């Protein structure tokens, strides 16, 4: 899709902080994080929501989260849990299927409002997670 922000990120037209990438998905830092290390798992092929996403993409995204990303978050950021969130239709701000990976910490208050000053912390965390 020409106007999809995630498609533009996948094509390299918009910069992102990519933590993991393979032939099917790209995992990037969320620029509006709920907690430190909040990531987005984005399929490289445009599919609007879970209802039109290929089963292979869904299972691959979960496998990579389980086997690679969560261990990375635990090792580098010392998180103690992980919330996976996936919105469809209502509540889905970007109409490109994606999964939120929200690391959890004791007393993290994961619902804090967006604050522009957090972008500096996003950069610091990216530097910890990048290869």
Protein backbone atom coordinates (compact mmCIF):
# COMPACT_ATOMS: atom_id res chain seq x y z
CA UNK A 1 0.00 0.00 0.00
CA UNK A 2 1.35 3.40 -0.97
CA UNK A 3 0.23 5.33 2.12
CA UNK A 4 0.91 2.69 4.81
CA UNK A 5 3.56 3.86 7.27
CA UNK A 6 4.68 0.29 8.02
CA UNK A 7 5.04 -0.51 4.31
CA UNK A 8 7.20 2.61 3.99
CA UNK A 9 9.32 1.45 6.95
CA UNK A 10 9.71 -2.02 5.38
CA UNK A 11 10.78 -0.41 2.06
CA UNK A 12 13.30 1.81 3.90
CA UNK A 13 11.46 5.02 2.96
CA UNK A 14 10.99 5.92 6.63
CA UNK A 15 13.76 5.28 9.18
CA UNK A 16 13.23 2.81 11.99
CA UNK A 17 15.21 1.13 14.70
CA UNK A 18 15.20 -2.51 13.59
CA UNK A 19 16.03 -5.06 16.28
CA UNK A 20 15.39 -8.17 14.17
CA UNK A 21 14.62 -8.88 10.52
CA UNK A 22 14.16 -11.90 8.26
CA UNK A 23 12.37 -12.65 4.99
CA UNK A 24 8.89 -12.46 6.56
CA UNK A 25 8.98 -9.91 9.38
CA UNK A 26 10.74 -6.88 10.78
CA UNK A 27 10.83 -6.10 14.51
CA UNK A 28 11.23 -2.40 15.30
CA UNK A 29 11.28 -0.10 18.29
CA UNK A 30 7.94 1.56 18.99
CA UNK A 31 8.43 5.34 19.02
CA UNK A 32 5.53 5.69 21.46
CA UNK A 33 6.43 2.95 23.97
CA UNK A 34 4.35 1.77 26.91
CA UNK A 35 7.49 0.43 28.65
CA UNK A 36 11.23 0.30 27.97
CA UNK A 37 11.87 -1.96 24.99
CA UNK A 38 8.32 -1.86 23.53
CA UNK A 39 8.66 -3.42 20.07
CA UNK A 40 6.45 -3.98 17.03
CA UNK A 41 6.50 -7.17 14.94
CA UNK A 42 5.54 -6.18 11.39
CA UNK A 43 5.06 -8.54 8.45
CA UNK A 44 6.87 -7.43 5.31
CA UNK A 45 3.77 -8.18 3.24
CA UNK A 46 0.87 -5.76 3.74
CA UNK A 47 -2.12 -7.39 5.40
CA UNK A 48 -4.61 -5.20 7.22
CA UNK A 49 -5.42 -7.26 10.31
CA UNK A 50 -5.33 -10.75 11.77
CA UNK A 51 -8.38 -11.76 9.75
CA UNK A 52 -6.54 -11.48 6.43
CA UNK A 53 -3.05 -12.38 7.64
CA UNK A 54 -1.54 -15.65 6.50
CA UNK A 55 -1.30 -18.27 9.22
CA UNK A 56 2.37 -18.75 8.35
CA UNK A 57 3.05 -15.09 9.24
CA UNK A 58 1.20 -15.29 12.54
CA UNK A 59 2.93 -18.50 13.65
CA UNK A 60 6.33 -17.24 12.48
CA UNK A 61 5.86 -13.97 14.40
CA UNK A 62 5.04 -15.84 17.61
CA UNK A 63 7.92 -18.30 17.16
CA UNK A 64 10.44 -15.47 16.65
CA UNK A 65 8.99 -13.63 19.66
CA UNK A 66 9.26 -16.77 21.83
CA UNK A 67 12.66 -18.01 20.64
CA UNK A 68 14.61 -14.83 19.86
CA UNK A 69 13.03 -11.55 20.95
CA UNK A 70 11.82 -12.36 24.46
CA UNK A 71 15.15 -13.95 25.44
CA UNK A 72 16.90 -10.83 24.07
CA UNK A 73 14.64 -8.53 26.11
CA UNK A 74 15.19 -10.58 29.27
CA UNK A 75 18.96 -10.64 28.81
CA UNK A 76 19.51 -7.01 27.80
CA UNK A 77 16.71 -5.18 29.63
CA UNK A 78 16.05 -7.53 32.56
CA UNK A 79 12.29 -7.56 31.99
CA UNK A 80 10.29 -10.05 34.03
CA UNK A 81 7.41 -10.66 31.62
CA UNK A 82 6.01 -9.79 28.21
CA UNK A 83 2.62 -8.54 27.10
CA UNK A 84 1.63 -9.28 23.51
CA UNK A 85 -1.07 -7.00 22.13
CA UNK A 86 -2.63 -7.04 18.70
CA UNK A 87 -5.44 -4.67 17.67
CA UNK A 88 -7.87 -5.23 14.83
CA UNK A 89 -10.17 -2.70 13.24
CA UNK A 90 -11.36 -0.52 16.16
CA UNK A 91 -8.28 0.51 18.11
CA UNK A 92 -5.98 -0.34 15.22
CA UNK A 93 -4.32 2.98 14.41
CA UNK A 94 -2.19 1.62 11.56
CA UNK A 95 -4.08 -0.68 9.22
CA UNK A 96 -1.18 -3.10 8.74
CA UNK A 97 -1.20 -6.24 10.88
CA UNK A 98 1.35 -6.01 13.68
CA UNK A 99 1.96 -7.30 17.19
CA UNK A 100 3.01 -5.14 20.12
CA UNK A 101 5.65 -6.73 22.36
CA UNK A 102 5.56 -4.87 25.67
CA UNK A 103 8.24 -5.89 28.17
CA UNK A 104 6.95 -5.90 31.73
CA UNK A 105 8.75 -4.82 34.87
CA UNK A 106 7.63 -4.68 38.51
CA UNK A 107 5.56 -1.52 39.03
CA UNK A 108 6.01 -0.45 35.39
CA UNK A 109 2.67 1.36 35.08
CA UNK A 110 2.57 0.30 31.43
CA UNK A 111 -0.22 2.73 30.59
CA UNK A 112 1.77 5.95 31.08
CA UNK A 113 1.02 8.75 28.58
CA UNK A 114 3.30 9.64 25.70
CA UNK A 115 6.06 12.08 26.54
CA UNK A 116 8.41 13.52 23.89
CA UNK A 117 11.37 13.17 26.27
CA UNK A 118 10.96 9.37 26.04
CA UNK A 119 12.47 9.44 22.52
CA UNK A 120 15.94 9.84 24.06
CA UNK A 121 15.33 6.73 26.13
CA UNK A 122 14.06 4.89 23.03
CA UNK A 123 17.43 5.62 21.39
CA UNK A 124 19.33 4.42 24.48
CA UNK A 125 17.37 1.17 24.56
CA UNK A 126 17.78 0.68 20.81
CA UNK A 127 21.54 0.89 21.27
CA UNK A 128 21.30 -1.88 23.87
CA UNK A 129 19.20 -4.15 21.65
CA UNK A 130 20.74 -3.69 18.20
CA UNK A 131 23.14 -6.27 16.91
